[in-house]
Amino acid sequence: MMEHIKDHSRQVAAIACELAFLEYRDENSPLFRSVRAAALLHDLGKTYCIQNGGEHAAIGGAWVQAITKNPYLSQGVTHAMNRVNSKAAF
């Protein structure tokens, strides 16, 4: 993984953890730990896709599923970039 992508993933994880802590209030809760893991892994496939083409979120999510067998974590990686329709959310 390229160094700037690692740095970006750490920054995203720090922000995601701040938000998750507001919700779960426990850094050891499984949901908090899942948010942190998904944030750290959200660009896992990016370097590969820069070099070979493809959709980095889908590739990273597939890798996470194959390695961890955790569908929740892989979905967090796959859908990290999905945007919420702000009109529907409020």
PDB file of N, CA and C in Angstrom:
ATOM      1  N   MET A   1       0.851  -1.178   0.000  1.00  0.00           N
ATOM      2  CA  MET A   1       0.000   0.000   0.000  1.00  0.00           C
ATOM      3  C   MET A   1       0.893   1.237   0.000  1.00  0.00           C
ATOM      4  N   MET A   2       0.545   2.193  -0.826  1.00  0.00           N
ATOM      5  CA  MET A   2       1.305   3.439  -0.901  1.00  0.00           C
ATOM      6  C   MET A   2       1.217   4.194   0.426  1.00  0.00           C
ATOM      7  N   GLU A   3       2.297   4.860   0.792  1.00  0.00           N
ATOM      8  CA  GLU A   3       2.374   5.514   2.100  1.00  0.00           C
ATOM      9  C   GLU A   3       1.286   6.571   2.286  1.00  0.00           C
ATOM     10  N   HIS A   4       0.983   7.345   1.248  1.00  0.00           N
ATOM     11  CA  HIS A   4      -0.049   8.376   1.407  1.00  0.00           C
ATOM     12  C   HIS A   4      -1.441   7.752   1.605  1.00  0.00           C
ATOM     13  N   ILE A   5      -1.650   6.566   1.080  1.00  0.00           N
ATOM     14  CA  ILE A   5      -2.920   5.871   1.294  1.00  0.00           C
ATOM     15  C   ILE A   5      -2.991   5.357   2.732  1.00  0.00           C
ATOM     16  N   LYS A   6      -1.878   4.857   3.245  1.00  0.00           N
ATOM     17  CA  LYS A   6      -1.833   4.440   4.659  1.00  0.00           C
ATOM     18  C   LYS A   6      -2.136   5.631   5.570  1.00  0.00           C
ATOM     19  N   ASP A   7      -1.499   6.770   5.281  1.00  0.00           N
ATOM     20  CA  ASP A   7      -1.735   7.973   6.097  1.00  0.00           C
ATOM     21  C   ASP A   7      -3.199   8.385   6.051  1.00  0.00           C
ATOM     22  N   HIS A   8      -3.760   8.380   4.846  1.00  0.00           N
ATOM     23  CA  HIS A   8      -5.173   8.733   4.685  1.00  0.00           C
ATOM     24  C   HIS A   8      -6.068   7.775   5.484  1.00  0.00           C
ATOM     25  N   SER A   9      -5.784   6.490   5.414  1.00  0.00           N
ATOM     26  CA  SER A   9      -6.604   5.500   6.126  1.00  0.00           C
ATOM     27  C   SER A   9      -6.516   5.702   7.637  1.00  0.00           C
ATOM     28  N   ARG A  10      -5.342   6.059   8.134  1.00  0.00           N
ATOM     29  CA  ARG A  10      -5.207   6.354   9.566  1.00  0.00           C
ATOM     30  C   ARG A  10      -6.031   7.583   9.950  1.00  0.00           C
ATOM     31  N   GLN A  11      -6.030   8.597   9.090  1.00  0.00           N
ATOM     32  CA  GLN A  11      -6.815   9.806   9.361  1.00  0.00           C
ATOM     33  C   GLN A  11      -8.307   9.492   9.357  1.00  0.00           C
ATOM     34  N   VAL A  12      -8.755   8.728   8.386  1.00  0.00           N
ATOM     35  CA  VAL A  12     -10.163   8.327   8.312  1.00  0.00           C
ATOM     36  C   VAL A  12     -10.542   7.520   9.554  1.00  0.00           C
ATOM     37  N   ALA A  13      -9.666   6.612   9.972  1.00  0.00           N
ATOM     38  CA  ALA A  13      -9.951   5.797  11.159  1.00  0.00           C
ATOM     39  C   ALA A  13     -10.046   6.658  12.414  1.00  0.00           C
ATOM     40  N   ALA A  14      -9.194   7.665  12.525  1.00  0.00           N
ATOM     41  CA  ALA A  14      -9.247   8.547  13.703  1.00  0.00           C
ATOM     42  C   ALA A  14     -10.587   9.272  13.766  1.00  0.00           C
ATOM     43  N   ILE A  15     -11.047   9.773  12.644  1.00  0.00           N
ATOM     44  CA  ILE A  15     -12.337  10.472  12.600  1.00  0.00           C
ATOM     45  C   ILE A  15     -13.483   9.491  12.860  1.00  0.00           C
ATOM     46  N   ALA A  16     -13.435   8.332  12.220  1.00  0.00           N
ATOM     47  CA  ALA A  16     -14.485   7.322  12.413  1.00  0.00           C
ATOM     48  C   ALA A  16     -14.548   6.877  13.873  1.00  0.00           C
ATOM     49  N   CYS A  17     -13.393   6.747  14.509  1.00  0.00           N
ATOM     50  CA  CYS A  17     -13.373   6.331  15.919  1.00  0.00           C
ATOM     51  C   CYS A  17     -13.957   7.403  16.825  1.00  0.00           C
ATOM     52  N   GLU A  18     -13.697   8.651  16.524  1.00  0.00           N
ATOM     53  CA  GLU A  18     -14.300   9.737  17.315  1.00  0.00           C
ATOM     54  C   GLU A  18     -15.822   9.667  17.221  1.00  0.00           C
ATOM     55  N   LEU A  19     -16.326   9.474  16.028  1.00  0.00           N
ATOM     56  CA  LEU A  19     -17.775   9.394  15.833  1.00  0.00           C
ATOM     57  C   LEU A  19     -18.351   8.127  16.466  1.00  0.00           C
ATOM     58  N   ALA A  20     -17.659   7.011  16.306  1.00  0.00           N
ATOM     59  CA  ALA A  20     -18.135   5.754  16.887  1.00  0.00           C
ATOM     60  C   ALA A  20     -18.139   5.821  18.410  1.00  0.00           C
ATOM     61  N   PHE A  21     -17.166   6.501  18.986  1.00  0.00           N
ATOM     62  CA  PHE A  21     -17.129   6.620  20.445  1.00  0.00           C
ATOM     63  C   PHE A  21     -18.334   7.403  20.962  1.00  0.00           C
ATOM     64  N   LEU A  22     -18.747   8.416  20.208  1.00  0.00           N
ATOM     65  CA  LEU A  22     -19.933   9.175  20.605  1.00  0.00           C
ATOM     66  C   LEU A  22     -21.165   8.278  20.663  1.00  0.00           C
ATOM     67  N   GLU A  23     -21.211   7.294  19.801  1.00  0.00           N
ATOM     68  CA  GLU A  23     -22.357   6.381  19.750  1.00  0.00           C
ATOM     69  C   GLU A  23     -22.235   5.237  20.752  1.00  0.00           C
ATOM     70  N   TYR A  24     -21.074   4.602  20.815  1.00  0.00           N
ATOM     71  CA  TYR A  24     -20.939   3.358  21.581  1.00  0.00           C
ATOM     72  C   TYR A  24     -20.301   3.546  22.962  1.00  0.00           C
ATOM     73  N   ARG A  25     -19.563   4.623  23.173  1.00  0.00           N
ATOM     74  CA  ARG A  25     -18.937   4.951  24.468  1.00  0.00           C
ATOM     75  C   ARG A  25     -18.049   3.850  25.038  1.00  0.00           C
ATOM     76  N   ASP A  26     -17.606   2.949  24.193  1.00  0.00           N
ATOM     77  CA  ASP A  26     -16.763   1.845  24.662  1.00  0.00           C
ATOM     78  C   ASP A  26     -15.854   1.402  23.516  1.00  0.00           C
ATOM     79  N   GLU A  27     -14.561   1.695  23.640  1.00  0.00           N
ATOM     80  CA  GLU A  27     -13.615   1.337  22.583  1.00  0.00           C
ATOM     81  C   GLU A  27     -13.437  -0.171  22.429  1.00  0.00           C
ATOM     82  N   ASN A  28     -13.901  -0.944  23.387  1.00  0.00           N
ATOM     83  CA  ASN A  28     -13.783  -2.401  23.305  1.00  0.00           C
ATOM     84  C   ASN A  28     -15.045  -3.076  22.783  1.00  0.00           C
ATOM     85  N   SER A  29     -16.089  -2.285  22.509  1.00  0.00           N
ATOM     86  CA  SER A  29     -17.314  -2.902  21.996  1.00  0.00           C
ATOM     87  C   SER A  29     -17.059  -3.446  20.585  1.00  0.00           C
ATOM     88  N   PRO A  30     -17.695  -4.546  20.242  1.00  0.00           N
ATOM     89  CA  PRO A  30     -17.506  -5.106  18.898  1.00  0.00           C
ATOM     90  C   PRO A  30     -17.869  -4.127  17.787  1.00  0.00           C
ATOM     91  N   LEU A  31     -18.895  -3.324  17.990  1.00  0.00           N
ATOM     92  CA  LEU A  31     -19.288  -2.374  16.942  1.00  0.00           C
ATOM     93  C   LEU A  31     -18.239  -1.278  16.769  1.00  0.00           C
ATOM     94  N   PHE A  32     -17.717  -0.760  17.873  1.00  0.00           N
ATOM     95  CA  PHE A  32     -16.655   0.243  17.789  1.00  0.00           C
ATOM     96  C   PHE A  32     -15.444  -0.339  17.064  1.00  0.00           C
ATOM     97  N   ARG A  33     -15.054  -1.543  17.438  1.00  0.00           N
ATOM     98  CA  ARG A  33     -13.884  -2.169  16.820  1.00  0.00           C
ATOM     99  C   ARG A  33     -14.121  -2.449  15.337  1.00  0.00           C
ATOM    100  N   SER A  34     -15.348  -2.764  14.968  1.00  0.00           N
ATOM    101  CA  SER A  34     -15.671  -2.981  13.551  1.00  0.00           C
ATOM    102  C   SER A  34     -15.565  -1.686  12.755  1.00  0.00           C
ATOM    103  N   VAL A  35     -16.026  -0.593  13.331  1.00  0.00           N
ATOM    104  CA  VAL A  35     -15.912   0.713  12.665  1.00  0.00           C
ATOM    105  C   VAL A  35     -14.436   1.051  12.451  1.00  0.00           C
ATOM    106  N   ARG A  36     -13.626   0.866  13.490  1.00  0.00           N
ATOM    107  CA  ARG A  36     -12.195   1.167  13.371  1.00  0.00           C
ATOM    108  C   ARG A  36     -11.546   0.300  12.292  1.00  0.00           C
ATOM    109  N   ALA A  37     -11.843  -0.998  12.304  1.00  0.00           N
ATOM    110  CA  ALA A  37     -11.248  -1.900  11.321  1.00  0.00           C
ATOM    111  C   ALA A  37     -11.673  -1.540   9.900  1.00  0.00           C
ATOM    112  N   ALA A  38     -12.949  -1.279   9.694  1.00  0.00           N
ATOM    113  CA  ALA A  38     -13.432  -0.925   8.354  1.00  0.00           C
ATOM    114  C   ALA A  38     -12.801   0.379   7.877  1.00  0.00           C
ATOM    115  N   ALA A  39     -12.649   1.338   8.783  1.00  0.00           N
ATOM    116  CA  ALA A  39     -12.031   2.615   8.399  1.00  0.00           C
ATOM    117  C   ALA A  39     -10.568   2.417   8.016  1.00  0.00           C
ATOM    118  N   LEU A  40      -9.856   1.612   8.777  1.00  0.00           N
ATOM    119  CA  LEU A  40      -8.447   1.363   8.438  1.00  0.00           C
ATOM    120  C   LEU A  40      -8.302   0.610   7.116  1.00  0.00           C
ATOM    121  N   LEU A  41      -9.254  -0.245   6.810  1.00  0.00           N
ATOM    122  CA  LEU A  41      -9.164  -1.091   5.616  1.00  0.00           C
ATOM    123  C   LEU A  41      -9.900  -0.537   4.405  1.00  0.00           C
ATOM    124  N   HIS A  42     -10.546   0.609   4.528  1.00  0.00           N
ATOM    125  CA  HIS A  42     -11.443   1.058   3.465  1.00  0.00           C
ATOM    126  C   HIS A  42     -10.749   1.274   2.120  1.00  0.00           C
ATOM    127  N   ASP A  43      -9.458   1.540   2.104  1.00  0.00           N
ATOM    128  CA  ASP A  43      -8.725   1.713   0.837  1.00  0.00           C
ATOM    129  C   ASP A  43      -7.745   0.578   0.573  1.00  0.00           C
ATOM    130  N   LEU A  44      -8.019  -0.577   1.151  1.00  0.00           N
ATOM    131  CA  LEU A  44      -7.138  -1.727   1.000  1.00  0.00           C
ATOM    132  C   LEU A  44      -6.828  -2.044  -0.465  1.00  0.00           C
ATOM    133  N   GLY A  45      -7.813  -1.962  -1.329  1.00  0.00           N
ATOM    134  CA  GLY A  45      -7.618  -2.305  -2.739  1.00  0.00           C
ATOM    135  C   GLY A  45      -7.160  -1.157  -3.623  1.00  0.00           C
ATOM    136  N   LYS A  46      -6.919   0.005  -3.056  1.00  0.00           N
ATOM    137  CA  LYS A  46      -6.649   1.197  -3.871  1.00  0.00           C
ATOM    138  C   LYS A  46      -5.345   1.104  -4.668  1.00  0.00           C
ATOM    139  N   THR A  47      -4.257   0.709  -4.029  1.00  0.00           N
ATOM    140  CA  THR A  47      -2.980   0.612  -4.742  1.00  0.00           C
ATOM    141  C   THR A  47      -3.087  -0.386  -5.886  1.00  0.00           C
ATOM    142  N   TYR A  48      -3.705  -1.528  -5.617  1.00  0.00           N
ATOM    143  CA  TYR A  48      -3.894  -2.529  -6.663  1.00  0.00           C
ATOM    144  C   TYR A  48      -4.656  -1.936  -7.845  1.00  0.00           C
ATOM    145  N   CYS A  49      -5.720  -1.200  -7.567  1.00  0.00           N
ATOM    146  CA  CYS A  49      -6.552  -0.647  -8.633  1.00  0.00           C
ATOM    147  C   CYS A  49      -5.849   0.485  -9.384  1.00  0.00           C
ATOM    148  N   ILE A  50      -5.037   1.249  -8.706  1.00  0.00           N
ATOM    149  CA  ILE A  50      -4.246   2.280  -9.388  1.00  0.00           C
ATOM    150  C   ILE A  50      -3.328   1.613 -10.406  1.00  0.00           C
ATOM    151  N   GLN A  51      -2.751   0.493 -10.022  1.00  0.00           N
ATOM    152  CA  GLN A  51      -1.801  -0.201 -10.890  1.00  0.00           C
ATOM    153  C   GLN A  51      -2.473  -1.081 -11.941  1.00  0.00           C
ATOM    154  N   ASN A  52      -3.651  -1.626 -11.627  1.00  0.00           N
ATOM    155  CA  ASN A  52      -4.265  -2.633 -12.505  1.00  0.00           C
ATOM    156  C   ASN A  52      -5.675  -2.306 -12.969  1.00  0.00           C
ATOM    157  N   GLY A  53      -6.257  -1.254 -12.435  1.00  0.00           N
ATOM    158  CA  GLY A  53      -7.635  -0.933 -12.762  1.00  0.00           C
ATOM    159  C   GLY A  53      -8.602  -1.676 -11.860  1.00  0.00           C
ATOM    160  N   GLY A  54      -9.837  -1.253 -11.887  1.00  0.00           N
ATOM    161  CA  GLY A  54     -10.868  -1.892 -11.079  1.00  0.00           C
ATOM    162  C   GLY A  54     -11.435  -0.944 -10.045  1.00  0.00           C
ATOM    163  N   GLU A  55     -12.428  -1.395  -9.334  1.00  0.00           N
ATOM    164  CA  GLU A  55     -13.128  -0.610  -8.309  1.00  0.00           C
ATOM    165  C   GLU A  55     -12.548  -0.994  -6.947  1.00  0.00           C
ATOM    166  N   HIS A  56     -11.793  -0.088  -6.350  1.00  0.00           N
ATOM    167  CA  HIS A  56     -11.021  -0.436  -5.156  1.00  0.00           C
ATOM    168  C   HIS A  56     -11.879  -0.849  -3.973  1.00  0.00           C
ATOM    169  N   ALA A  57     -13.059  -0.272  -3.808  1.00  0.00           N
ATOM    170  CA  ALA A  57     -13.917  -0.638  -2.675  1.00  0.00           C
ATOM    171  C   ALA A  57     -14.411  -2.081  -2.819  1.00  0.00           C
ATOM    172  N   ALA A  58     -14.821  -2.464  -4.014  1.00  0.00           N
ATOM    173  CA  ALA A  58     -15.310  -3.823  -4.241  1.00  0.00           C
ATOM    174  C   ALA A  58     -14.182  -4.842  -4.097  1.00  0.00           C
ATOM    175  N   ILE A  59     -13.024  -4.525  -4.629  1.00  0.00           N
ATOM    176  CA  ILE A  59     -11.888  -5.445  -4.535  1.00  0.00           C
ATOM    177  C   ILE A  59     -11.427  -5.567  -3.078  1.00  0.00           C
ATOM    178  N   GLY A  60     -11.293  -4.449  -2.392  1.00  0.00           N
ATOM    179  CA  GLY A  60     -10.893  -4.487  -0.984  1.00  0.00           C
ATOM    180  C   GLY A  60     -11.889  -5.252  -0.133  1.00  0.00           C
ATOM    181  N   GLY A  61     -13.179  -5.017  -0.372  1.00  0.00           N
ATOM    182  CA  GLY A  61     -14.215  -5.742   0.366  1.00  0.00           C
ATOM    183  C   GLY A  61     -14.159  -7.241   0.118  1.00  0.00           C
ATOM    184  N   ALA A  62     -13.906  -7.619  -1.126  1.00  0.00           N
ATOM    185  CA  ALA A  62     -13.796  -9.048  -1.452  1.00  0.00           C
ATOM    186  C   ALA A  62     -12.587  -9.671  -0.761  1.00  0.00           C
ATOM    187  N   TRP A  63     -11.467  -8.950  -0.740  1.00  0.00           N
ATOM    188  CA  TRP A  63     -10.283  -9.454  -0.044  1.00  0.00           C
ATOM    189  C   TRP A  63     -10.558  -9.628   1.449  1.00  0.00           C
ATOM    190  N   VAL A  64     -11.198  -8.635   2.052  1.00  0.00           N
ATOM    191  CA  VAL A  64     -11.497  -8.712   3.482  1.00  0.00           C
ATOM    192  C   VAL A  64     -12.424  -9.891   3.770  1.00  0.00           C
ATOM    193  N   GLN A  65     -13.414 -10.105   2.933  1.00  0.00           N
ATOM    194  CA  GLN A  65     -14.322 -11.245   3.122  1.00  0.00           C
ATOM    195  C   GLN A  65     -13.564 -12.564   2.993  1.00  0.00           C
ATOM    196  N   ALA A  66     -12.710 -12.657   1.991  1.00  0.00           N
ATOM    197  CA  ALA A  66     -11.958 -13.904   1.776  1.00  0.00           C
ATOM    198  C   ALA A  66     -11.016 -14.202   2.936  1.00  0.00           C
ATOM    199  N   ILE A  67     -10.408 -13.171   3.491  1.00  0.00           N
ATOM    200  CA  ILE A  67      -9.427 -13.375   4.562  1.00  0.00           C
ATOM    201  C   ILE A  67     -10.091 -13.534   5.924  1.00  0.00           C
ATOM    202  N   THR A  68     -11.063 -12.681   6.237  1.00  0.00           N
ATOM    203  CA  THR A  68     -11.633 -12.671   7.590  1.00  0.00           C
ATOM    204  C   THR A  68     -12.902 -13.506   7.725  1.00  0.00           C
ATOM    205  N   LYS A  69     -13.578 -13.759   6.613  1.00  0.00           N
ATOM    206  CA  LYS A  69     -14.883 -14.439   6.634  1.00  0.00           C
ATOM    207  C   LYS A  69     -15.908 -13.650   7.445  1.00  0.00           C
ATOM    208  N   ASN A  70     -15.702 -12.340   7.551  1.00  0.00           N
ATOM    209  CA  ASN A  70     -16.591 -11.471   8.329  1.00  0.00           C
ATOM    210  C   ASN A  70     -17.391 -10.597   7.368  1.00  0.00           C
ATOM    211  N   PRO A  71     -18.654 -10.950   7.106  1.00  0.00           N
ATOM    212  CA  PRO A  71     -19.427 -10.183   6.128  1.00  0.00           C
ATOM    213  C   PRO A  71     -19.687  -8.744   6.561  1.00  0.00           C
ATOM    214  N   TYR A  72     -19.769  -8.482   7.863  1.00  0.00           N
ATOM    215  CA  TYR A  72     -20.012  -7.116   8.322  1.00  0.00           C
ATOM    216  C   TYR A  72     -18.805  -6.225   8.043  1.00  0.00           C
ATOM    217  N   LEU A  73     -17.628  -6.746   8.314  1.00  0.00           N
ATOM    218  CA  LEU A  73     -16.413  -5.983   8.047  1.00  0.00           C
ATOM    219  C   LEU A  73     -16.230  -5.769   6.550  1.00  0.00           C
ATOM    220  N   SER A  74     -16.457  -6.804   5.762  1.00  0.00           N
ATOM    221  CA  SER A  74     -16.289  -6.648   4.315  1.00  0.00           C
ATOM    222  C   SER A  74     -17.301  -5.657   3.736  1.00  0.00           C
ATOM    223  N   GLN A  75     -18.516  -5.645   4.274  1.00  0.00           N
ATOM    224  CA  GLN A  75     -19.510  -4.664   3.817  1.00  0.00           C
ATOM    225  C   GLN A  75     -19.095  -3.244   4.208  1.00  0.00           C
ATOM    226  N   GLY A  76     -18.488  -3.101   5.382  1.00  0.00           N
ATOM    227  CA  GLY A  76     -17.984  -1.791   5.793  1.00  0.00           C
ATOM    228  C   GLY A  76     -16.921  -1.271   4.845  1.00  0.00           C
ATOM    229  N   VAL A  77     -16.058  -2.168   4.376  1.00  0.00           N
ATOM    230  CA  VAL A  77     -15.019  -1.784   3.416  1.00  0.00           C
ATOM    231  C   VAL A  77     -15.653  -1.496   2.055  1.00  0.00           C
ATOM    232  N   THR A  78     -16.528  -2.367   1.609  1.00  0.00           N
ATOM    233  CA  THR A  78     -17.148  -2.218   0.285  1.00  0.00           C
ATOM    234  C   THR A  78     -17.969  -0.936   0.176  1.00  0.00           C
ATOM    235  N   HIS A  79     -18.664  -0.582   1.237  1.00  0.00           N
ATOM    236  CA  HIS A  79     -19.588   0.545   1.171  1.00  0.00           C
ATOM    237  C   HIS A  79     -19.091   1.796   1.885  1.00  0.00           C
ATOM    238  N   ALA A  80     -17.821   1.854   2.184  1.00  0.00           N
ATOM    239  CA  ALA A  80     -17.268   3.015   2.894  1.00  0.00           C
ATOM    240  C   ALA A  80     -17.458   4.308   2.107  1.00  0.00           C
ATOM    241  N   MET A  81     -17.503   4.220   0.812  1.00  0.00           N
ATOM    242  CA  MET A  81     -17.598   5.421  -0.018  1.00  0.00           C
ATOM    243  C   MET A  81     -19.025   5.784  -0.409  1.00  0.00           C
ATOM    244  N   ASN A  82     -19.996   4.968  -0.025  1.00  0.00           N
ATOM    245  CA  ASN A  82     -21.386   5.280  -0.382  1.00  0.00           C
ATOM    246  C   ASN A  82     -21.826   6.565   0.301  1.00  0.00           C
ATOM    247  N   ARG A  83     -22.531   7.360  -0.423  1.00  0.00           N
ATOM    248  CA  ARG A  83     -23.020   8.615   0.111  1.00  0.00           C
ATOM    249  C   ARG A  83     -24.478   8.458   0.544  1.00  0.00           C
ATOM    250  N   VAL A  84     -24.829   9.160   1.578  1.00  0.00           N
ATOM    251  CA  VAL A  84     -26.216   9.171   2.036  1.00  0.00           C
ATOM    252  C   VAL A  84     -26.918  10.336   1.346  1.00  0.00           C
ATOM    253  N   ASN A  85     -28.117  10.084   0.870  1.00  0.00           N
ATOM    254  CA  ASN A  85     -28.911  11.136   0.274  1.00  0.00           C
ATOM    255  C   ASN A  85     -29.339  12.065   1.413  1.00  0.00           C
ATOM    256  N   SER A  86     -28.802  13.281   1.438  1.00  0.00           N
ATOM    257  CA  SER A  86     -29.024  14.173   2.576  1.00  0.00           C
ATOM    258  C   SER A  86     -30.498  14.525   2.735  1.00  0.00           C
ATOM    259  N   LYS A  87     -31.262  14.609   1.676  1.00  0.00           N
ATOM    260  CA  LYS A  87     -32.688  14.915   1.806  1.00  0.00           C
ATOM    261  C   LYS A  87     -33.442  13.759   2.453  1.00  0.00           C
ATOM    262  N   ALA A  88     -33.045  12.517   2.094  1.00  0.00           N
ATOM    263  CA  ALA A  88     -33.709  11.358   2.674  1.00  0.00           C
ATOM    264  C   ALA A  88     -33.278  11.154   4.133  1.00  0.00           C
ATOM    265  N   ALA A  89     -32.047  11.556   4.466  1.00  0.00           N
ATOM    266  CA  ALA A  89     -31.526  11.319   5.810  1.00  0.00           C
ATOM    267  C   ALA A  89     -32.140  12.256   6.831  1.00  0.00           C
ATOM    268  N   PHE A  90     -32.619  13.380   6.413  1.00  0.00           N
ATOM    269  CA  PHE A  90     -33.155  14.349   7.352  1.00  0.00           C
ATOM    270  C   PHE A  90     -34.604  14.542   7.066  1.00  0.00           C
TER     271      PHE A  90
END
